[in-house]
Protein backbone atom coordinates (compact mmCIF):
# COMPACT_ATOMS: atom_id res chain seq x y z
CA UNK A 1 14.24 94.95 -62.61
CA UNK A 2 16.30 97.71 -61.03
CA UNK A 3 14.82 101.23 -61.24
CA UNK A 4 16.54 104.56 -60.90
CA UNK A 5 15.42 107.60 -58.83
CA UNK A 6 15.36 111.29 -59.77
CA UNK A 7 18.54 113.34 -59.52
CA UNK A 8 17.74 116.33 -57.27
CA UNK A 9 20.51 118.37 -55.64
CA UNK A 10 24.14 117.53 -54.87
CA UNK A 11 23.43 115.13 -51.98
CA UNK A 12 20.69 113.30 -53.85
CA UNK A 13 22.95 113.08 -56.90
CA UNK A 14 25.66 111.43 -54.81
CA UNK A 15 23.18 109.03 -53.25
CA UNK A 16 21.72 108.26 -56.63
CA UNK A 17 25.14 107.44 -58.07
CA UNK A 18 25.78 104.98 -55.23
CA UNK A 19 22.40 103.42 -55.84
CA UNK A 20 23.13 103.11 -59.55
CA UNK A 21 26.44 101.39 -58.93
CA UNK A 22 24.87 98.96 -56.46
CA UNK A 23 22.01 98.28 -58.86
CA UNK A 24 24.43 97.63 -61.71
CA UNK A 25 26.42 95.19 -59.59
CA UNK A 26 23.22 93.33 -58.78
CA UNK A 27 22.28 93.24 -62.46
CA UNK A 28 25.65 91.80 -63.51
CA UNK A 29 25.52 89.26 -60.65
CA UNK A 30 22.12 88.09 -61.83
CA UNK A 31 23.36 87.74 -65.42
CA UNK A 32 26.35 85.70 -64.26
CA UNK A 33 24.20 83.34 -62.18
CA UNK A 34 21.32 82.91 -64.60
CA UNK A 35 23.03 83.25 -67.97
CA UNK A 36 23.82 79.58 -68.43
CA UNK A 37 20.33 78.06 -68.16
CA UNK A 38 18.08 79.08 -70.99
CA UNK A 39 14.69 77.62 -71.82
CA UNK A 40 15.16 78.53 -75.48
CA UNK A 41 15.77 75.80 -78.03
CA UNK A 42 18.19 77.99 -79.93
CA UNK A 43 19.57 81.50 -80.11
CA UNK A 44 21.76 81.21 -77.01
CA UNK A 45 24.53 83.21 -78.66
CA UNK A 46 22.11 86.03 -79.57
CA UNK A 47 20.74 86.15 -76.04
CA UNK A 48 24.27 86.27 -74.65
CA UNK A 49 25.20 89.08 -77.03
CA UNK A 50 22.11 91.07 -76.10
CA UNK A 51 23.01 90.71 -72.42
CA UNK A 52 26.57 91.85 -73.05
CA UNK A 53 25.42 94.86 -75.10
CA UNK A 54 22.85 95.86 -72.49
CA UNK A 55 25.37 95.56 -69.68
CA UNK A 56 27.94 97.53 -71.67
CA UNK A 57 25.47 100.34 -72.38
CA UNK A 58 24.47 100.53 -68.73
CA UNK A 59 28.13 100.66 -67.74
CA UNK A 60 28.83 103.50 -70.14
CA UNK A 61 25.84 105.50 -68.94
CA UNK A 62 26.56 105.00 -65.27
CA UNK A 63 30.33 105.19 -65.24
CA UNK A 64 31.51 107.18 -68.25
CA UNK A 65 35.22 107.43 -68.62
CA UNK A 66 35.92 104.56 -66.21
CA UNK A 67 39.31 103.06 -66.92
CA UNK A 68 38.58 99.60 -65.53
CA UNK A 69 35.96 98.53 -68.13
CA UNK A 70 37.00 95.10 -69.41
CA UNK A 71 37.24 94.36 -73.11
CA UNK A 72 34.61 91.86 -74.36
CA UNK A 73 35.83 88.29 -74.79
CA UNK A 74 36.97 87.38 -78.28
CA UNK A 75 34.36 85.59 -80.37
CA UNK A 76 35.00 81.89 -80.90
CA UNK A 77 36.30 80.69 -84.24
CA UNK A 78 34.05 78.14 -85.94
CA UNK A 79 35.28 75.89 -88.73
CA UNK A 80 32.71 74.12 -90.86
CA UNK A 81 34.19 70.63 -90.80
CA UNK A 82 33.87 68.36 -93.83
CA UNK A 83 33.05 65.14 -92.01
CA UNK A 84 30.06 63.83 -93.98
CA UNK A 85 32.05 60.77 -95.05
CA UNK A 86 32.16 59.51 -91.46
CA UNK A 87 28.36 59.59 -91.21
CA UNK A 88 27.64 57.61 -94.39
CA UNK A 89 24.22 59.17 -94.92
CA UNK A 90 23.16 59.18 -91.27
CA UNK A 91 21.43 62.28 -89.91
CA UNK A 92 23.96 63.61 -87.44
CA UNK A 93 26.28 66.29 -86.14
CA UNK A 94 29.76 66.46 -84.66
CA UNK A 95 31.59 69.06 -82.60
CA UNK A 96 35.24 69.16 -81.54
CA UNK A 97 36.11 72.01 -79.17
CA UNK A 98 39.60 73.33 -78.41
CA UNK A 99 39.16 75.74 -75.47
CA UNK A 100 42.81 76.89 -75.51
CA UNK A 101 42.24 78.41 -78.95
CA UNK A 102 38.51 79.04 -78.48
CA UNK A 103 38.09 77.03 -81.66
CA UNK A 104 35.20 74.81 -82.75
CA UNK A 105 35.17 72.31 -85.59
CA UNK A 106 31.53 71.62 -86.35
CA UNK A 107 29.82 69.34 -88.82
CA UNK A 108 26.14 70.18 -89.49
CA UNK A 109 25.97 73.33 -87.40
CA UNK A 110 22.18 73.61 -87.36
CA UNK A 111 21.83 70.19 -85.75
CA UNK A 112 24.85 70.85 -83.53
CA UNK A 113 23.00 73.82 -82.02
CA UNK A 114 19.71 71.92 -81.57
CA UNK A 115 18.84 70.76 -78.06
CA UNK A 116 17.79 67.16 -77.55
CA UNK A 117 17.42 64.81 -74.60
CA UNK A 118 20.86 63.87 -73.22
CA UNK A 119 19.75 60.35 -72.23
CA UNK A 120 22.55 58.33 -70.62
CA UNK A 121 25.26 60.91 -71.37
CA UNK A 122 23.77 62.62 -68.30
CA UNK A 123 25.35 59.89 -66.17
CA UNK A 124 28.58 61.90 -66.42
CA UNK A 125 26.81 64.72 -64.59
CA UNK A 126 25.02 62.62 -61.98
CA UNK A 127 28.29 60.76 -61.36
CA UNK A 128 30.31 63.97 -61.00
CA UNK A 129 27.80 65.49 -58.58
CA UNK A 130 27.37 62.22 -56.68
CA UNK A 131 31.11 61.71 -56.29
CA UNK A 132 31.79 65.32 -55.34
CA UNK A 133 29.13 65.38 -52.62
CA UNK A 134 29.77 61.92 -51.15
CA UNK A 135 26.58 60.34 -52.49
CA UNK A 136 28.72 57.91 -54.44
CA UNK A 137 31.59 56.53 -52.35
CA UNK A 138 33.81 54.54 -54.77
CA UNK A 139 35.07 52.23 -52.03
CA UNK A 140 31.50 51.44 -50.89
CA UNK A 141 29.29 52.04 -53.91
CA UNK A 142 27.38 48.75 -54.29
CA UNK A 143 23.61 49.11 -54.29
CA UNK A 144 21.19 46.27 -53.75
CA UNK A 145 19.17 44.95 -56.67
CA UNK A 146 15.41 44.90 -56.03
CA UNK A 147 14.93 41.56 -57.77
CA UNK A 148 13.01 43.07 -60.67
CA UNK A 149 14.04 41.60 -64.01
CA UNK A 150 15.27 44.26 -66.43
CA UNK A 151 15.86 43.93 -70.17
CA UNK A 152 19.61 44.30 -69.62
CA UNK A 153 20.83 41.22 -67.76
CA UNK A 154 23.85 43.17 -66.43
CA UNK A 155 21.46 45.19 -64.25
CA UNK A 156 19.87 42.16 -62.59
CA UNK A 157 22.27 42.02 -59.64
CA UNK A 158 23.76 44.04 -56.83
CA UNK A 159 25.99 46.51 -58.63
CA UNK A 160 28.67 49.09 -57.83
CA UNK A 161 29.46 52.44 -59.41
CA UNK A 162 32.05 51.32 -61.95
CA UNK A 163 29.89 48.56 -63.44
CA UNK A 164 26.75 50.68 -63.21
CA UNK A 165 28.42 53.42 -65.26
CA UNK A 166 29.91 51.11 -67.84
CA UNK A 167 26.66 49.17 -68.32
CA UNK A 168 24.60 52.38 -68.09
CA UNK A 169 22.40 50.95 -65.34
CA UNK A 170 19.36 53.21 -65.15
CA UNK A 171 17.95 52.00 -61.82
CA UNK A 172 21.31 52.64 -60.10
CA UNK A 173 21.50 56.25 -61.31
CA UNK A 174 17.81 56.84 -60.67
CA UNK A 175 18.62 56.24 -57.00
CA UNK A 176 21.72 58.45 -57.15
CA UNK A 177 19.74 61.32 -58.70
CA UNK A 178 16.98 61.02 -56.10
CA UNK A 179 19.58 61.19 -53.32
CA UNK A 180 21.21 64.25 -54.91
CA UNK A 181 17.79 65.92 -54.81
CA UNK A 182 16.24 68.66 -56.90
CA UNK A 183 17.80 71.64 -55.10
CA UNK A 184 21.40 70.47 -55.39
CA UNK A 185 20.89 69.17 -58.92
CA UNK A 186 19.39 72.47 -60.06
CA UNK A 187 22.29 74.38 -58.51
CA UNK A 188 24.90 72.16 -60.16
CA UNK A 189 23.24 72.31 -63.59
CA UNK A 190 23.11 76.09 -63.36
CA UNK A 191 26.81 76.18 -62.44
CA UNK A 192 27.61 73.92 -65.41
CA UNK A 193 25.31 75.91 -67.72
CA UNK A 194 23.79 72.60 -68.77
CA UNK A 195 21.46 73.22 -71.72
CA UNK A 196 18.03 74.37 -70.60
CA UNK A 197 18.63 73.12 -67.00
CA UNK A 198 15.01 71.94 -66.92
CA UNK A 199 14.49 69.21 -64.31
CA UNK A 200 10.78 69.98 -63.88
CA UNK A 201 9.78 66.47 -64.99
CA UNK A 202 11.80 64.93 -62.16
CA UNK A 203 10.07 61.56 -62.32
CA UNK A 204 10.33 61.34 -66.11
CA UNK A 205 6.61 61.04 -66.81
CA UNK A 206 7.07 62.68 -70.23
CA UNK A 207 9.05 59.65 -71.36
CA UNK A 208 6.43 57.54 -73.16
CA UNK A 209 8.70 54.51 -73.51
CA UNK A 210 8.11 53.23 -69.98
CA UNK A 211 5.96 53.82 -66.92
CA UNK A 212 8.54 52.18 -64.64
CA UNK A 213 10.01 54.98 -62.52
CA UNK A 214 13.21 52.98 -62.01
CA UNK A 215 13.82 53.26 -65.76
CA UNK A 216 13.22 56.94 -66.44
CA UNK A 217 13.87 60.48 -65.31
CA UNK A 218 14.03 64.08 -66.49
CA UNK A 219 17.16 63.28 -68.52
CA UNK A 220 15.57 60.51 -70.65
CA UNK A 221 13.34 61.85 -73.46
CA UNK A 222 11.86 64.33 -71.01
CA UNK A 223 12.26 67.95 -69.87
CA UNK A 224 16.07 68.30 -69.83
CA UNK A 225 17.60 69.25 -73.19
CA UNK A 226 21.10 70.07 -74.43
CA UNK A 227 22.78 70.59 -77.80
CA UNK A 228 25.87 68.78 -79.09
CA UNK A 229 27.87 72.01 -78.91
CA UNK A 230 26.76 72.60 -75.32
CA UNK A 231 27.79 69.04 -74.45
CA UNK A 232 31.40 69.83 -75.37
CA UNK A 233 31.33 73.01 -73.28
CA UNK A 234 29.95 71.17 -70.25
CA UNK A 235 32.67 68.52 -70.58
CA UNK A 236 35.26 71.32 -70.50
CA UNK A 237 33.68 72.80 -67.36
CA UNK A 238 34.07 69.43 -65.65
CA UNK A 239 37.49 68.37 -66.94
CA UNK A 240 39.12 71.67 -67.94
CA UNK A 241 41.71 73.79 -66.16
CA UNK A 242 39.04 75.89 -64.42
CA UNK A 243 36.97 72.94 -63.20
CA UNK A 244 35.39 73.31 -59.77
CA UNK A 245 35.30 69.54 -59.35
CA UNK A 246 38.04 67.94 -57.30
CA UNK A 247 40.91 66.10 -58.95
CA UNK A 248 39.73 62.95 -57.19
CA UNK A 249 36.29 63.22 -58.81
CA UNK A 250 37.79 63.88 -62.23
CA UNK A 251 40.19 60.95 -61.98
CA UNK A 252 37.43 58.54 -60.96
CA UNK A 253 35.31 59.70 -63.88
CA UNK A 254 38.22 59.28 -66.28
CA UNK A 255 38.66 55.73 -65.02
CA UNK A 256 35.09 54.71 -65.92
CA UNK A 257 34.90 56.82 -69.11
CA UNK A 258 38.07 55.47 -70.76
CA UNK A 259 37.28 53.78 -74.08
CA UNK A 260 38.63 50.24 -74.06
CA UNK A 261 36.38 48.45 -76.56
CA UNK A 262 37.65 50.25 -79.69
CA UNK A 263 41.13 50.67 -81.14
CA UNK A 264 42.05 54.29 -80.38
CA UNK A 265 45.63 53.92 -81.67
CA UNK A 266 47.13 54.95 -78.36
CA UNK A 267 45.02 58.13 -78.09
CA UNK A 268 43.26 58.22 -74.70
CA UNK A 269 39.56 58.77 -75.40
CA UNK A 270 37.06 59.26 -72.57
CA UNK A 271 33.32 59.42 -73.07
CA UNK A 272 29.79 58.27 -72.42
CA UNK A 273 27.14 56.99 -74.80
CA UNK A 274 23.44 57.75 -74.68
CA UNK A 275 20.41 56.43 -76.52
CA UNK A 276 16.77 57.50 -76.50
CA UNK A 277 13.75 56.09 -78.32
CA UNK A 278 10.24 57.08 -79.26
CA UNK A 279 7.75 54.30 -79.88
CA UNK A 280 10.51 51.75 -80.27
CA UNK A 281 12.48 53.85 -82.75
CA UNK A 282 15.86 55.31 -81.77
CA UNK A 283 15.66 59.10 -82.07
CA UNK A 284 18.69 60.29 -80.07
CA UNK A 285 22.12 58.62 -80.08
CA UNK A 286 25.14 60.24 -78.45
CA UNK A 287 28.79 59.89 -77.62
CA UNK A 288 30.44 62.79 -75.80
CA UNK A 289 33.60 63.33 -73.79
CA UNK A 290 37.20 64.35 -74.40
CA UNK A 291 40.48 63.06 -75.81
CA UNK A 292 44.13 63.89 -75.25
CA UNK A 293 45.57 64.19 -78.75
CA UNK A 294 49.33 64.66 -78.88
CA UNK A 295 49.31 66.46 -75.55
CA UNK A 296 46.34 68.69 -76.33
CA UNK A 297 42.87 68.16 -74.90
CA UNK A 298 39.89 68.27 -77.25
CA UNK A 299 36.28 68.01 -76.13
CA UNK A 300 33.91 66.30 -78.52
CA UNK A 301 30.35 65.25 -79.16
CA UNK A 302 28.81 63.15 -81.90
CA UNK A 303 25.03 63.07 -82.17
CA UNK A 304 22.88 60.90 -84.43
CA UNK A 305 19.18 61.56 -84.98
CA UNK A 306 16.42 59.48 -86.47
CA UNK A 307 17.35 58.46 -90.01
CA UNK A 308 14.86 56.87 -92.40
CA UNK A 309 15.98 53.46 -93.57
CA UNK A 310 18.97 53.27 -91.24
CA UNK A 311 19.63 52.00 -87.74
CA UNK A 312 20.80 54.67 -85.30
CA UNK A 313 22.84 53.49 -82.31
CA UNK A 314 25.06 55.04 -79.67
CA UNK A 315 27.72 52.50 -80.64
CA UNK A 316 27.80 54.00 -84.13
CA UNK A 317 28.09 57.50 -82.67
CA UNK A 318 31.05 56.24 -80.64
CA UNK A 319 32.75 54.76 -83.72
CA UNK A 320 32.32 57.99 -85.67
CA UNK A 321 33.71 60.04 -82.79
CA UNK A 322 36.85 57.90 -82.52
CA UNK A 323 37.42 58.06 -86.30
CA UNK A 324 37.13 61.86 -86.30
CA UNK A 325 39.42 62.23 -83.29
CA UNK A 326 42.11 60.00 -84.82
CA UNK A 327 41.93 62.03 -88.04
CA UNK A 328 42.99 65.12 -86.08
CA UNK A 329 46.42 63.74 -85.20
CA UNK A 330 49.26 65.71 -86.72
CA UNK A 331 47.17 68.82 -87.28
CA UNK A 332 46.20 71.93 -85.40
CA UNK A 333 42.80 73.66 -85.61
CA UNK A 334 42.57 75.80 -88.71
CA UNK A 335 45.10 73.85 -90.74
C-alpha cells in the first residue's frame, strides 16, 4: 500500500503533495487493472462500491476543491423478471442486459449472481483470443486428430475451427488454450473482467469426470468460475461498441455463434452452450450470447443447475433463452 510522509516546512509540503498525487494515481491505476478479477463467490458490487468510496475519500483529502472530480457512474437498474413459466420447475436463472440503458432483467437474482464453472461457453473466450492473436487462422484452422476415439463421433476426425466450435470439440480447444498460454490468457481474462479469472488449475485436474487431459481444463468444472450476470457483461465487452477485439474477430465469432437449429422468428440470436457434470449428473447447463432485437442489442445468459427429478441440458437452456428473447419484441426495458 502507498504510505504518506510527514509534512514539515514549505518545501517538504510541496514535495509531499506531489508524492500524494503520484501515489493516488498509482492506487487508481491498480484498482482499474485489478478490479475485474475477484476470487470472491459473491459481493462483487459491494467490493466495487467500497473501492469507489475509498478512492473518493482519498481524492477529497488530497485534492479538496478540485473541479475535475468526475461524478460516480449511475447505478444500474435491475428489473425482477417474471420468467418462471419458461423454466417449468427447473432450477435456473436468466439475465438480459441492455448496456445502452444500463438495464438488467433478471430472473432468480441470487442464482444469477452465483459463480459456476463456465464449461464450453468458455470457447467464446478461447476463440476470441485465439483469433485475435493469430493462434486460430480461419483459412488454415484444421488440426489433426490423434486417432483416439472420443464419445462424440464428430470429434473423431481432422477438424477445423468452425466445426470444432459448433460441435464443441474439447480436444481442439484444449490445444488452442495451451498455445495461447497462461500469461496471455490471464491478461485477457483480466481485461475482460471474467468472473474470478482463476486459471490456476490449468490442466483441469479438479474435474473428476475424466483423467484425460485432452478432455478437460480450468474452464470445465475446475478453478475458473463466472456468474450468469457476469457472462452477459463479458459478452458486451467482446461484442459491444467499446470492444477491443477487431471487427474481423467479432464477425468470425458471429458466424459460428449464429443459432440455426431453432426457429428464432427472424431475430438473429448468437450464443454458445455449455454443460458440466459431477458423477454423471449434469450440474451446470448454459446458453449465453447476444441478440439483435428490433435494432437493439441485448446480451443474455440462461443457466440451469441440478434439479431433482428433472433432466438438465444445455439444449433446454438454449430453448428457454430463445423463448425469453422473442418475448421481448415490441417492448422496451421497464415497460
